[in-house]
Amino acid sequence: MKKVYFLQTCDTCRRILKAVNLDGFEKQEIKANPVTVTQLEEMRKLTDSYESLFNKRAKLYREMDLKNQNLAEADYKQYILNEYTFLKRPVFIVDNQTFIGNSKKVVESLKALLN
């Protein structure tokens, strides 16, 4: 399976999508087509926690003062399901590997796998 979850209005997502070979990828824009419980659980199976899928740079994260709360795994999951901005993006799934976020290391690893 090859799939990417992204936000169309995010400049960083658009830049990464242009830099990566997307042949054969199913693309899901998360604002227009929110992530389902099943999809989030599938992502979670390929990573170590819901927290690793959670975007702590989101403006809403600061506004809700979540940094000063003790969040459990169930909380991270629910926040991601309730608000698309809490999913760290983009999320690429290639077979049984997942590439989360936009760090240079993650993007380079993804490019190496696809090229």
PDB file of N, CA and C in Angstrom:
ATOM      1  N   MET A   1       0.837  -1.175   0.000  1.00  0.00           N
ATOM      2  CA  MET A   1       0.000   0.000   0.000  1.00  0.00           C
ATOM      3  C   MET A   1       0.889   1.247   0.000  1.00  0.00           C
ATOM      4  N   LYS A   2       0.491   2.209  -0.800  1.00  0.00           N
ATOM      5  CA  LYS A   2       1.161   3.506  -0.834  1.00  0.00           C
ATOM      6  C   LYS A   2       0.096   4.569  -0.655  1.00  0.00           C
ATOM      7  N   LYS A   3       0.245   5.341   0.418  1.00  0.00           N
ATOM      8  CA  LYS A   3      -0.745   6.370   0.702  1.00  0.00           C
ATOM      9  C   LYS A   3      -0.055   7.556   1.348  1.00  0.00           C
ATOM     10  N   VAL A   4      -0.606   8.741   1.089  1.00  0.00           N
ATOM     11  CA  VAL A   4      -0.107   9.953   1.734  1.00  0.00           C
ATOM     12  C   VAL A   4      -1.289  10.752   2.258  1.00  0.00           C
ATOM     13  N   TYR A   5      -1.147  11.192   3.508  1.00  0.00           N
ATOM     14  CA  TYR A   5      -2.107  12.089   4.141  1.00  0.00           C
ATOM     15  C   TYR A   5      -1.440  13.459   4.191  1.00  0.00           C
ATOM     16  N   PHE A   6      -2.119  14.488   3.694  1.00  0.00           N
ATOM     17  CA  PHE A   6      -1.498  15.806   3.608  1.00  0.00           C
ATOM     18  C   PHE A   6      -2.552  16.892   3.725  1.00  0.00           C
ATOM     19  N   LEU A   7      -2.075  18.129   3.861  1.00  0.00           N
ATOM     20  CA  LEU A   7      -2.948  19.295   3.922  1.00  0.00           C
ATOM     21  C   LEU A   7      -2.624  20.181   2.725  1.00  0.00           C
ATOM     22  N   GLN A   8      -3.593  20.402   1.863  1.00  0.00           N
ATOM     23  CA  GLN A   8      -3.385  21.143   0.618  1.00  0.00           C
ATOM     24  C   GLN A   8      -2.938  22.584   0.858  1.00  0.00           C
ATOM     25  N   THR A   9      -3.381  23.186   1.947  1.00  0.00           N
ATOM     26  CA  THR A   9      -3.039  24.583   2.210  1.00  0.00           C
ATOM     27  C   THR A   9      -1.675  24.744   2.881  1.00  0.00           C
ATOM     28  N   CYS A  10      -0.995  23.649   3.160  1.00  0.00           N
ATOM     29  CA  CYS A  10       0.305  23.695   3.832  1.00  0.00           C
ATOM     30  C   CYS A  10       1.423  23.771   2.791  1.00  0.00           C
ATOM     31  N   ASP A  11       2.176  24.869   2.806  1.00  0.00           N
ATOM     32  CA  ASP A  11       3.282  25.042   1.850  1.00  0.00           C
ATOM     33  C   ASP A  11       4.316  23.930   1.966  1.00  0.00           C
ATOM     34  N   THR A  12       4.613  23.516   3.180  1.00  0.00           N
ATOM     35  CA  THR A  12       5.604  22.464   3.387  1.00  0.00           C
ATOM     36  C   THR A  12       5.131  21.144   2.788  1.00  0.00           C
ATOM     37  N   CYS A  13       3.871  20.810   2.992  1.00  0.00           N
ATOM     38  CA  CYS A  13       3.317  19.582   2.394  1.00  0.00           C
ATOM     39  C   CYS A  13       3.417  19.639   0.874  1.00  0.00           C
ATOM     40  N   ARG A  14       3.034  20.772   0.287  1.00  0.00           N
ATOM     41  CA  ARG A  14       3.079  20.903  -1.179  1.00  0.00           C
ATOM     42  C   ARG A  14       4.510  20.752  -1.689  1.00  0.00           C
ATOM     43  N   ARG A  15       5.470  21.338  -0.988  1.00  0.00           N
ATOM     44  CA  ARG A  15       6.874  21.248  -1.398  1.00  0.00           C
ATOM     45  C   ARG A  15       7.354  19.790  -1.357  1.00  0.00           C
ATOM     46  N   ILE A  16       7.012  19.079  -0.300  1.00  0.00           N
ATOM     47  CA  ILE A  16       7.432  17.682  -0.169  1.00  0.00           C
ATOM     48  C   ILE A  16       6.747  16.818  -1.221  1.00  0.00           C
ATOM     49  N   LEU A  17       5.472  17.038  -1.468  1.00  0.00           N
ATOM     50  CA  LEU A  17       4.748  16.254  -2.473  1.00  0.00           C
ATOM     51  C   LEU A  17       5.353  16.442  -3.866  1.00  0.00           C
ATOM     52  N   LYS A  18       5.829  17.653  -4.154  1.00  0.00           N
ATOM     53  CA  LYS A  18       6.478  17.900  -5.447  1.00  0.00           C
ATOM     54  C   LYS A  18       7.834  17.197  -5.543  1.00  0.00           C
ATOM     55  N   ALA A  19       8.511  17.049  -4.421  1.00  0.00           N
ATOM     56  CA  ALA A  19       9.864  16.487  -4.406  1.00  0.00           C
ATOM     57  C   ALA A  19       9.887  14.959  -4.418  1.00  0.00           C
ATOM     58  N   VAL A  20       8.744  14.344  -4.172  1.00  0.00           N
ATOM     59  CA  VAL A  20       8.666  12.886  -4.041  1.00  0.00           C
ATOM     60  C   VAL A  20       7.908  12.304  -5.236  1.00  0.00           C
ATOM     61  N   ASN A  21       8.343  11.137  -5.690  1.00  0.00           N
ATOM     62  CA  ASN A  21       7.653  10.431  -6.772  1.00  0.00           C
ATOM     63  C   ASN A  21       6.365   9.833  -6.214  1.00  0.00           C
ATOM     64  N   LEU A  22       5.219  10.352  -6.624  1.00  0.00           N
ATOM     65  CA  LEU A  22       3.933   9.922  -6.087  1.00  0.00           C
ATOM     66  C   LEU A  22       3.211   8.896  -6.957  1.00  0.00           C
ATOM     67  N   ASP A  23       3.917   8.313  -7.917  1.00  0.00           N
ATOM     68  CA  ASP A  23       3.300   7.288  -8.762  1.00  0.00           C
ATOM     69  C   ASP A  23       2.791   6.145  -7.890  1.00  0.00           C
ATOM     70  N   GLY A  24       1.533   5.801  -8.062  1.00  0.00           N
ATOM     71  CA  GLY A  24       0.950   4.687  -7.337  1.00  0.00           C
ATOM     72  C   GLY A  24       0.461   5.035  -5.937  1.00  0.00           C
ATOM     73  N   PHE A  25       0.568   6.286  -5.528  1.00  0.00           N
ATOM     74  CA  PHE A  25       0.121   6.692  -4.198  1.00  0.00           C
ATOM     75  C   PHE A  25      -1.354   7.078  -4.210  1.00  0.00           C
ATOM     76  N   GLU A  26      -2.060   6.649  -3.186  1.00  0.00           N
ATOM     77  CA  GLU A  26      -3.397   7.157  -2.927  1.00  0.00           C
ATOM     78  C   GLU A  26      -3.199   8.418  -2.091  1.00  0.00           C
ATOM     79  N   LYS A  27      -3.828   9.514  -2.497  1.00  0.00           N
ATOM     80  CA  LYS A  27      -3.644  10.793  -1.795  1.00  0.00           C
ATOM     81  C   LYS A  27      -4.925  11.158  -1.050  1.00  0.00           C
ATOM     82  N   GLN A  28      -4.758  11.568   0.205  1.00  0.00           N
ATOM     83  CA  GLN A  28      -5.914  11.997   0.994  1.00  0.00           C
ATOM     84  C   GLN A  28      -5.633  13.348   1.624  1.00  0.00           C
ATOM     85  N   GLU A  29      -6.410  14.336   1.198  1.00  0.00           N
ATOM     86  CA  GLU A  29      -6.305  15.681   1.748  1.00  0.00           C
ATOM     87  C   GLU A  29      -7.127  15.702   3.032  1.00  0.00           C
ATOM     88  N   ILE A  30      -6.479  15.919   4.170  1.00  0.00           N
ATOM     89  CA  ILE A  30      -7.118  15.673   5.463  1.00  0.00           C
ATOM     90  C   ILE A  30      -8.133  16.726   5.908  1.00  0.00           C
ATOM     91  N   LYS A  31      -8.133  17.888   5.288  1.00  0.00           N
ATOM     92  CA  LYS A  31      -9.147  18.883   5.655  1.00  0.00           C
ATOM     93  C   LYS A  31     -10.463  18.560   4.945  1.00  0.00           C
ATOM     94  N   ALA A  32     -10.391  18.258   3.668  1.00  0.00           N
ATOM     95  CA  ALA A  32     -11.587  17.930   2.889  1.00  0.00           C
ATOM     96  C   ALA A  32     -12.096  16.527   3.195  1.00  0.00           C
ATOM     97  N   ASN A  33     -11.178  15.622   3.517  1.00  0.00           N
ATOM     98  CA  ASN A  33     -11.510  14.217   3.757  1.00  0.00           C
ATOM     99  C   ASN A  33     -10.814  13.772   5.047  1.00  0.00           C
ATOM    100  N   PRO A  34     -11.400  14.079   6.202  1.00  0.00           N
ATOM    101  CA  PRO A  34     -10.740  13.804   7.481  1.00  0.00           C
ATOM    102  C   PRO A  34     -10.366  12.336   7.684  1.00  0.00           C
ATOM    103  N   VAL A  35      -9.350  12.141   8.493  1.00  0.00           N
ATOM    104  CA  VAL A  35      -8.870  10.802   8.829  1.00  0.00           C
ATOM    105  C   VAL A  35      -9.932  10.087   9.663  1.00  0.00           C
ATOM    106  N   THR A  36     -10.191   8.832   9.329  1.00  0.00           N
ATOM    107  CA  THR A  36     -11.171   8.030  10.077  1.00  0.00           C
ATOM    108  C   THR A  36     -10.480   7.314  11.239  1.00  0.00           C
ATOM    109  N   VAL A  37     -11.280   6.773  12.130  1.00  0.00           N
ATOM    110  CA  VAL A  37     -10.747   6.006  13.253  1.00  0.00           C
ATOM    111  C   VAL A  37      -9.907   4.838  12.727  1.00  0.00           C
ATOM    112  N   THR A  38     -10.429   4.133  11.735  1.00  0.00           N
ATOM    113  CA  THR A  38      -9.722   2.985  11.160  1.00  0.00           C
ATOM    114  C   THR A  38      -8.389   3.408  10.563  1.00  0.00           C
ATOM    115  N   GLN A  39      -8.383   4.502   9.801  1.00  0.00           N
ATOM    116  CA  GLN A  39      -7.142   4.980   9.191  1.00  0.00           C
ATOM    117  C   GLN A  39      -6.117   5.370  10.251  1.00  0.00           C
ATOM    118  N   LEU A  40      -6.565   6.051  11.295  1.00  0.00           N
ATOM    119  CA  LEU A  40      -5.648   6.460  12.355  1.00  0.00           C
ATOM    120  C   LEU A  40      -5.091   5.245  13.083  1.00  0.00           C
ATOM    121  N   GLU A  41      -5.920   4.249  13.308  1.00  0.00           N
ATOM    122  CA  GLU A  41      -5.457   3.023  13.962  1.00  0.00           C
ATOM    123  C   GLU A  41      -4.450   2.285  13.086  1.00  0.00           C
ATOM    124  N   GLU A  42      -4.653   2.300  11.764  1.00  0.00           N
ATOM    125  CA  GLU A  42      -3.678   1.691  10.849  1.00  0.00           C
ATOM    126  C   GLU A  42      -2.338   2.412  10.926  1.00  0.00           C
ATOM    127  N   MET A  43      -2.368   3.757  10.963  1.00  0.00           N
ATOM    128  CA  MET A  43      -1.128   4.533  11.101  1.00  0.00           C
ATOM    129  C   MET A  43      -0.440   4.190  12.419  1.00  0.00           C
ATOM    130  N   ARG A  44      -1.219   4.085  13.474  1.00  0.00           N
ATOM    131  CA  ARG A  44      -0.678   3.802  14.804  1.00  0.00           C
ATOM    132  C   ARG A  44       0.035   2.454  14.837  1.00  0.00           C
ATOM    133  N   LYS A  45      -0.496   1.466  14.128  1.00  0.00           N
ATOM    134  CA  LYS A  45       0.128   0.136  14.095  1.00  0.00           C
ATOM    135  C   LYS A  45       1.524   0.187  13.487  1.00  0.00           C
ATOM    136  N   LEU A  46       1.780   1.175  12.632  1.00  0.00           N
ATOM    137  CA  LEU A  46       3.063   1.281  11.944  1.00  0.00           C
ATOM    138  C   LEU A  46       4.050   2.203  12.664  1.00  0.00           C
ATOM    139  N   THR A  47       3.654   2.734  13.793  1.00  0.00           N
ATOM    140  CA  THR A  47       4.529   3.633  14.549  1.00  0.00           C
ATOM    141  C   THR A  47       4.470   3.269  16.026  1.00  0.00           C
ATOM    142  N   ASP A  48       5.166   4.023  16.845  1.00  0.00           N
ATOM    143  CA  ASP A  48       5.264   3.644  18.254  1.00  0.00           C
ATOM    144  C   ASP A  48       4.167   4.200  19.154  1.00  0.00           C
ATOM    145  N   SER A  49       3.458   5.248  18.707  1.00  0.00           N
ATOM    146  CA  SER A  49       2.430   5.837  19.567  1.00  0.00           C
ATOM    147  C   SER A  49       1.572   6.827  18.782  1.00  0.00           C
ATOM    148  N   TYR A  50       0.440   7.182  19.356  1.00  0.00           N
ATOM    149  CA  TYR A  50      -0.373   8.257  18.778  1.00  0.00           C
ATOM    150  C   TYR A  50       0.359   9.585  18.942  1.00  0.00           C
ATOM    151  N   GLU A  51       1.132   9.690  20.003  1.00  0.00           N
ATOM    152  CA  GLU A  51       1.886  10.930  20.229  1.00  0.00           C
ATOM    153  C   GLU A  51       2.840  11.220  19.073  1.00  0.00           C
ATOM    154  N   SER A  52       3.419  10.180  18.482  1.00  0.00           N
ATOM    155  CA  SER A  52       4.334  10.394  17.351  1.00  0.00           C
ATOM    156  C   SER A  52       3.610  10.902  16.111  1.00  0.00           C
ATOM    157  N   LEU A  53       2.289  10.746  16.064  1.00  0.00           N
ATOM    158  CA  LEU A  53       1.474  11.249  14.958  1.00  0.00           C
ATOM    159  C   LEU A  53       0.896  12.629  15.260  1.00  0.00           C
ATOM    160  N   PHE A  54       1.138  13.116  16.454  1.00  0.00           N
ATOM    161  CA  PHE A  54       0.517  14.349  16.938  1.00  0.00           C
ATOM    162  C   PHE A  54       1.399  15.555  16.642  1.00  0.00           C
ATOM    163  N   ASN A  55       0.780  16.601  16.107  1.00  0.00           N
ATOM    164  CA  ASN A  55       1.487  17.828  15.736  1.00  0.00           C
ATOM    165  C   ASN A  55       1.503  18.806  16.904  1.00  0.00           C
ATOM    166  N   LYS A  56       2.650  18.887  17.582  1.00  0.00           N
ATOM    167  CA  LYS A  56       2.779  19.796  18.723  1.00  0.00           C
ATOM    168  C   LYS A  56       3.129  21.223  18.287  1.00  0.00           C
ATOM    169  N   ARG A  57       3.245  21.446  16.995  1.00  0.00           N
ATOM    170  CA  ARG A  57       3.510  22.795  16.482  1.00  0.00           C
ATOM    171  C   ARG A  57       2.238  23.511  16.046  1.00  0.00           C
ATOM    172  N   ALA A  58       1.119  22.823  16.143  1.00  0.00           N
ATOM    173  CA  ALA A  58      -0.160  23.407  15.720  1.00  0.00           C
ATOM    174  C   ALA A  58      -0.505  24.618  16.580  1.00  0.00           C
ATOM    175  N   LYS A  59      -1.036  25.623  15.936  1.00  0.00           N
ATOM    176  CA  LYS A  59      -1.455  26.839  16.631  1.00  0.00           C
ATOM    177  C   LYS A  59      -2.474  26.502  17.725  1.00  0.00           C
ATOM    178  N   LEU A  60      -3.369  25.584  17.427  1.00  0.00           N
ATOM    179  CA  LEU A  60      -4.405  25.169  18.370  1.00  0.00           C
ATOM    180  C   LEU A  60      -3.807  24.496  19.612  1.00  0.00           C
ATOM    181  N   TYR A  61      -2.680  23.834  19.448  1.00  0.00           N
ATOM    182  CA  TYR A  61      -1.984  23.190  20.568  1.00  0.00           C
ATOM    183  C   TYR A  61      -1.607  24.241  21.606  1.00  0.00           C
ATOM    184  N   ARG A  62      -1.080  25.361  21.134  1.00  0.00           N
ATOM    185  CA  ARG A  62      -0.711  26.457  22.039  1.00  0.00           C
ATOM    186  C   ARG A  62      -1.962  27.138  22.601  1.00  0.00           C
ATOM    187  N   GLU A  63      -2.944  27.374  21.749  1.00  0.00           N
ATOM    188  CA  GLU A  63      -4.166  28.061  22.191  1.00  0.00           C
ATOM    189  C   GLU A  63      -4.910  27.281  23.268  1.00  0.00           C
ATOM    190  N   MET A  64      -4.902  25.960  23.163  1.00  0.00           N
ATOM    191  CA  MET A  64      -5.596  25.119  24.138  1.00  0.00           C
ATOM    192  C   MET A  64      -4.713  24.798  25.344  1.00  0.00           C
ATOM    193  N   ASP A  65      -3.473  25.287  25.319  1.00  0.00           N
ATOM    194  CA  ASP A  65      -2.500  25.066  26.397  1.00  0.00           C
ATOM    195  C   ASP A  65      -2.305  23.572  26.686  1.00  0.00           C
ATOM    196  N   LEU A  66      -2.259  22.775  25.628  1.00  0.00           N
ATOM    197  CA  LEU A  66      -2.101  21.330  25.794  1.00  0.00           C
ATOM    198  C   LEU A  66      -0.707  20.955  26.303  1.00  0.00           C
ATOM    199  N   LYS A  67       0.260  21.832  26.078  1.00  0.00           N
ATOM    200  CA  LYS A  67       1.634  21.576  26.531  1.00  0.00           C
ATOM    201  C   LYS A  67       1.671  21.368  28.046  1.00  0.00           C
ATOM    202  N   ASN A  68       0.826  22.061  28.762  1.00  0.00           N
ATOM    203  CA  ASN A  68       0.827  21.995  30.223  1.00  0.00           C
ATOM    204  C   ASN A  68      -0.173  20.982  30.776  1.00  0.00           C
ATOM    205  N   GLN A  69      -0.704  20.133  29.897  1.00  0.00           N
ATOM    206  CA  GLN A  69      -1.607  19.073  30.341  1.00  0.00           C
ATOM    207  C   GLN A  69      -0.907  17.731  30.192  1.00  0.00           C
ATOM    208  N   ASN A  70      -1.289  16.806  31.032  1.00  0.00           N
ATOM    209  CA  ASN A  70      -0.713  15.465  30.981  1.00  0.00           C
ATOM    210  C   ASN A  70      -1.590  14.598  30.071  1.00  0.00           C
ATOM    211  N   LEU A  71      -1.218  14.518  28.776  1.00  0.00           N
ATOM    212  CA  LEU A  71      -2.049  13.812  27.798  1.00  0.00           C
ATOM    213  C   LEU A  71      -1.678  12.333  27.723  1.00  0.00           C
ATOM    214  N   ALA A  72      -2.693  11.498  27.669  1.00  0.00           N
ATOM    215  CA  ALA A  72      -2.515  10.059  27.496  1.00  0.00           C
ATOM    216  C   ALA A  72      -2.657   9.715  26.017  1.00  0.00           C
ATOM    217  N   GLU A  73      -2.325   8.494  25.666  1.00  0.00           N
ATOM    218  CA  GLU A  73      -2.445   8.041  24.271  1.00  0.00           C
ATOM    219  C   GLU A  73      -3.861   8.243  23.735  1.00  0.00           C
ATOM    220  N   ALA A  74      -4.854   7.942  24.547  1.00  0.00           N
ATOM    221  CA  ALA A  74      -6.246   8.100  24.128  1.00  0.00           C
ATOM    222  C   ALA A  74      -6.567   9.572  23.836  1.00  0.00           C
ATOM    223  N   ASP A  75      -5.948  10.473  24.591  1.00  0.00           N
ATOM    224  CA  ASP A  75      -6.162  11.909  24.362  1.00  0.00           C
ATOM    225  C   ASP A  75      -5.586  12.325  23.012  1.00  0.00           C
ATOM    226  N   TYR A  76      -4.349  11.891  22.724  1.00  0.00           N
ATOM    227  CA  TYR A  76      -3.728  12.222  21.434  1.00  0.00           C
ATOM    228  C   TYR A  76      -4.598  11.722  20.283  1.00  0.00           C
ATOM    229  N   LYS A  77      -5.065  10.491  20.407  1.00  0.00           N
ATOM    230  CA  LYS A  77      -5.915   9.902  19.362  1.00  0.00           C
ATOM    231  C   LYS A  77      -7.169  10.743  19.156  1.00  0.00           C
ATOM    232  N   GLN A  78      -7.838  11.105  20.245  1.00  0.00           N
ATOM    233  CA  GLN A  78      -9.082  11.847  20.143  1.00  0.00           C
ATOM    234  C   GLN A  78      -8.871  13.250  19.569  1.00  0.00           C
ATOM    235  N   TYR A  79      -7.793  13.918  19.977  1.00  0.00           N
ATOM    236  CA  TYR A  79      -7.507  15.246  19.423  1.00  0.00           C
ATOM    237  C   TYR A  79      -7.260  15.177  17.916  1.00  0.00           C
ATOM    238  N   ILE A  80      -6.527  14.157  17.466  1.00  0.00           N
ATOM    239  CA  ILE A  80      -6.261  14.007  16.031  1.00  0.00           C
ATOM    240  C   ILE A  80      -7.569  13.772  15.278  1.00  0.00           C
ATOM    241  N   LEU A  81      -8.431  12.953  15.830  1.00  0.00           N
ATOM    242  CA  LEU A  81      -9.708  12.660  15.171  1.00  0.00           C
ATOM    243  C   LEU A  81     -10.638  13.875  15.166  1.00  0.00           C
ATOM    244  N   ASN A  82     -10.570  14.684  16.204  1.00  0.00           N
ATOM    245  CA  ASN A  82     -11.455  15.849  16.318  1.00  0.00           C
ATOM    246  C   ASN A  82     -11.017  17.019  15.448  1.00  0.00           C
ATOM    247  N   GLU A  83      -9.706  17.166  15.233  1.00  0.00           N
ATOM    248  CA  GLU A  83      -9.195  18.346  14.538  1.00  0.00           C
ATOM    249  C   GLU A  83      -8.026  17.959  13.627  1.00  0.00           C
ATOM    250  N   TYR A  84      -8.207  18.118  12.318  1.00  0.00           N
ATOM    251  CA  TYR A  84      -7.186  17.709  11.340  1.00  0.00           C
ATOM    252  C   TYR A  84      -5.824  18.349  11.597  1.00  0.00           C
ATOM    253  N   THR A  85      -5.799  19.529  12.166  1.00  0.00           N
ATOM    254  CA  THR A  85      -4.537  20.237  12.364  1.00  0.00           C
ATOM    255  C   THR A  85      -3.606  19.519  13.345  1.00  0.00           C
ATOM    256  N   PHE A  86      -4.150  18.599  14.140  1.00  0.00           N
ATOM    257  CA  PHE A  86      -3.329  17.878  15.109  1.00  0.00           C
ATOM    258  C   PHE A  86      -2.591  16.676  14.514  1.00  0.00           C
ATOM    259  N   LEU A  87      -2.877  16.321  13.269  1.00  0.00           N
ATOM    260  CA  LEU A  87      -2.110  15.244  12.635  1.00  0.00           C
ATOM    261  C   LEU A  87      -0.814  15.828  12.084  1.00  0.00           C
ATOM    262  N   LYS A  88       0.300  15.282  12.539  1.00  0.00           N
ATOM    263  CA  LYS A  88       1.594  15.730  12.013  1.00  0.00           C
ATOM    264  C   LYS A  88       1.632  15.330  10.551  1.00  0.00           C
ATOM    265  N   ARG A  89       2.036  16.249   9.696  1.00  0.00           N
ATOM    266  CA  ARG A  89       1.935  15.968   8.268  1.00  0.00           C
ATOM    267  C   ARG A  89       3.159  16.409   7.501  1.00  0.00           C
ATOM    268  N   PRO A  90       3.307  15.850   6.327  1.00  0.00           N
ATOM    269  CA  PRO A  90       2.514  14.764   5.751  1.00  0.00           C
ATOM    270  C   PRO A  90       2.842  13.422   6.403  1.00  0.00           C
ATOM    271  N   VAL A  91       1.933  12.472   6.225  1.00  0.00           N
ATOM    272  CA  VAL A  91       2.170  11.094   6.660  1.00  0.00           C
ATOM    273  C   VAL A  91       2.174  10.239   5.401  1.00  0.00           C
ATOM    274  N   PHE A  92       3.313   9.609   5.135  1.00  0.00           N
ATOM    275  CA  PHE A  92       3.448   8.692   4.004  1.00  0.00           C
ATOM    276  C   PHE A  92       3.445   7.275   4.542  1.00  0.00           C
ATOM    277  N   ILE A  93       2.675   6.405   3.912  1.00  0.00           N
ATOM    278  CA  ILE A  93       2.713   4.981   4.228  1.00  0.00           C
ATOM    279  C   ILE A  93       3.153   4.264   2.960  1.00  0.00           C
ATOM    280  N   VAL A  94       4.252   3.543   3.073  1.00  0.00           N
ATOM    281  CA  VAL A  94       4.782   2.772   1.954  1.00  0.00           C
ATOM    282  C   VAL A  94       4.940   1.342   2.450  1.00  0.00           C
ATOM    283  N   ASP A  95       4.078   0.461   1.939  1.00  0.00           N
ATOM    284  CA  ASP A  95       4.017  -0.920   2.405  1.00  0.00           C
ATOM    285  C   ASP A  95       3.811  -0.915   3.925  1.00  0.00           C
ATOM    286  N   ASN A  96       4.765  -1.409   4.688  1.00  0.00           N
ATOM    287  CA  ASN A  96       4.591  -1.429   6.143  1.00  0.00           C
ATOM    288  C   ASN A  96       5.496  -0.431   6.847  1.00  0.00           C
ATOM    289  N   GLN A  97       5.882   0.625   6.142  1.00  0.00           N
ATOM    290  CA  GLN A  97       6.702   1.668   6.735  1.00  0.00           C
ATOM    291  C   GLN A  97       5.932   2.974   6.732  1.00  0.00           C
ATOM    292  N   THR A  98       6.186   3.768   7.731  1.00  0.00           N
ATOM    293  CA  THR A  98       5.521   5.064   7.808  1.00  0.00           C
ATOM    294  C   THR A  98       6.562   6.174   7.950  1.00  0.00           C
ATOM    295  N   PHE A  99       6.290   7.285   7.299  1.00  0.00           N
ATOM    296  CA  PHE A  99       7.165   8.463   7.326  1.00  0.00           C
ATOM    297  C   PHE A  99       6.295   9.629   7.771  1.00  0.00           C
ATOM    298  N   ILE A 100       6.577  10.129   8.977  1.00  0.00           N
ATOM    299  CA  ILE A 100       5.707  11.120   9.603  1.00  0.00           C
ATOM    300  C   ILE A 100       6.418  12.457   9.717  1.00  0.00           C
ATOM    301  N   GLY A 101       5.766  13.491   9.206  1.00  0.00           N
ATOM    302  CA  GLY A 101       6.278  14.839   9.380  1.00  0.00           C
ATOM    303  C   GLY A 101       7.164  15.309   8.254  1.00  0.00           C
ATOM    304  N   ASN A 102       7.777  16.470   8.481  1.00  0.00           N
ATOM    305  CA  ASN A 102       8.504  17.124   7.411  1.00  0.00           C
ATOM    306  C   ASN A 102       9.977  17.368   7.722  1.00  0.00           C
ATOM    307  N   SER A 103      10.513  16.643   8.697  1.00  0.00           N
ATOM    308  CA  SER A 103      11.932  16.839   8.999  1.00  0.00           C
ATOM    309  C   SER A 103      12.773  16.379   7.811  1.00  0.00           C
ATOM    310  N   LYS A 104      13.914  16.987   7.660  1.00  0.00           N
ATOM    311  CA  LYS A 104      14.792  16.666   6.538  1.00  0.00           C
ATOM    312  C   LYS A 104      15.154  15.179   6.537  1.00  0.00           C
ATOM    313  N   LYS A 105      15.417  14.620   7.712  1.00  0.00           N
ATOM    314  CA  LYS A 105      15.779  13.205   7.838  1.00  0.00           C
ATOM    315  C   LYS A 105      14.652  12.292   7.330  1.00  0.00           C
ATOM    316  N   VAL A 106      13.430  12.608   7.709  1.00  0.00           N
ATOM    317  CA  VAL A 106      12.266  11.811   7.293  1.00  0.00           C
ATOM    318  C   VAL A 106      12.093  11.887   5.771  1.00  0.00           C
ATOM    319  N   VAL A 107      12.163  13.085   5.219  1.00  0.00           N
ATOM    320  CA  VAL A 107      11.970  13.280   3.778  1.00  0.00           C
ATOM    321  C   VAL A 107      13.077  12.578   2.991  1.00  0.00           C
ATOM    322  N   GLU A 108      14.316  12.670   3.452  1.00  0.00           N
ATOM    323  CA  GLU A 108      15.427  12.011   2.765  1.00  0.00           C
ATOM    324  C   GLU A 108      15.274  10.490   2.804  1.00  0.00           C
ATOM    325  N   SER A 109      14.837   9.947   3.936  1.00  0.00           N
ATOM    326  CA  SER A 109      14.605   8.498   4.041  1.00  0.00           C
ATOM    327  C   SER A 109      13.522   8.052   3.084  1.00  0.00           C
ATOM    328  N   LEU A 110      12.470   8.840   2.963  1.00  0.00           N
ATOM    329  CA  LEU A 110      11.369   8.529   2.046  1.00  0.00           C
ATOM    330  C   LEU A 110      11.866   8.561   0.598  1.00  0.00           C
ATOM    331  N   LYS A 111      12.591   9.609   0.246  1.00  0.00           N
ATOM    332  CA  LYS A 111      13.115   9.726  -1.123  1.00  0.00           C
ATOM    333  C   LYS A 111      14.029   8.552  -1.451  1.00  0.00           C
ATOM    334  N   ALA A 112      14.875   8.155  -0.512  1.00  0.00           N
ATOM    335  CA  ALA A 112      15.799   7.035  -0.741  1.00  0.00           C
ATOM    336  C   ALA A 112      15.027   5.749  -1.003  1.00  0.00           C
ATOM    337  N   LEU A 113      13.934   5.556  -0.298  1.00  0.00           N
ATOM    338  CA  LEU A 113      13.129   4.352  -0.486  1.00  0.00           C
ATOM    339  C   LEU A 113      12.423   4.340  -1.830  1.00  0.00           C
ATOM    340  N   LEU A 114      11.949   5.511  -2.277  1.00  0.00           N
ATOM    341  CA  LEU A 114      11.148   5.586  -3.498  1.00  0.00           C
ATOM    342  C   LEU A 114      11.972   5.688  -4.774  1.00  0.00           C
ATOM    343  N   ASN A 115      13.233   6.085  -4.661  1.00  0.00           N
ATOM    344  CA  ASN A 115      14.037   6.273  -5.876  1.00  0.00           C
ATOM    345  C   ASN A 115      14.930   5.086  -6.162  1.00  0.00           C
TER     346      ASN A 115
END
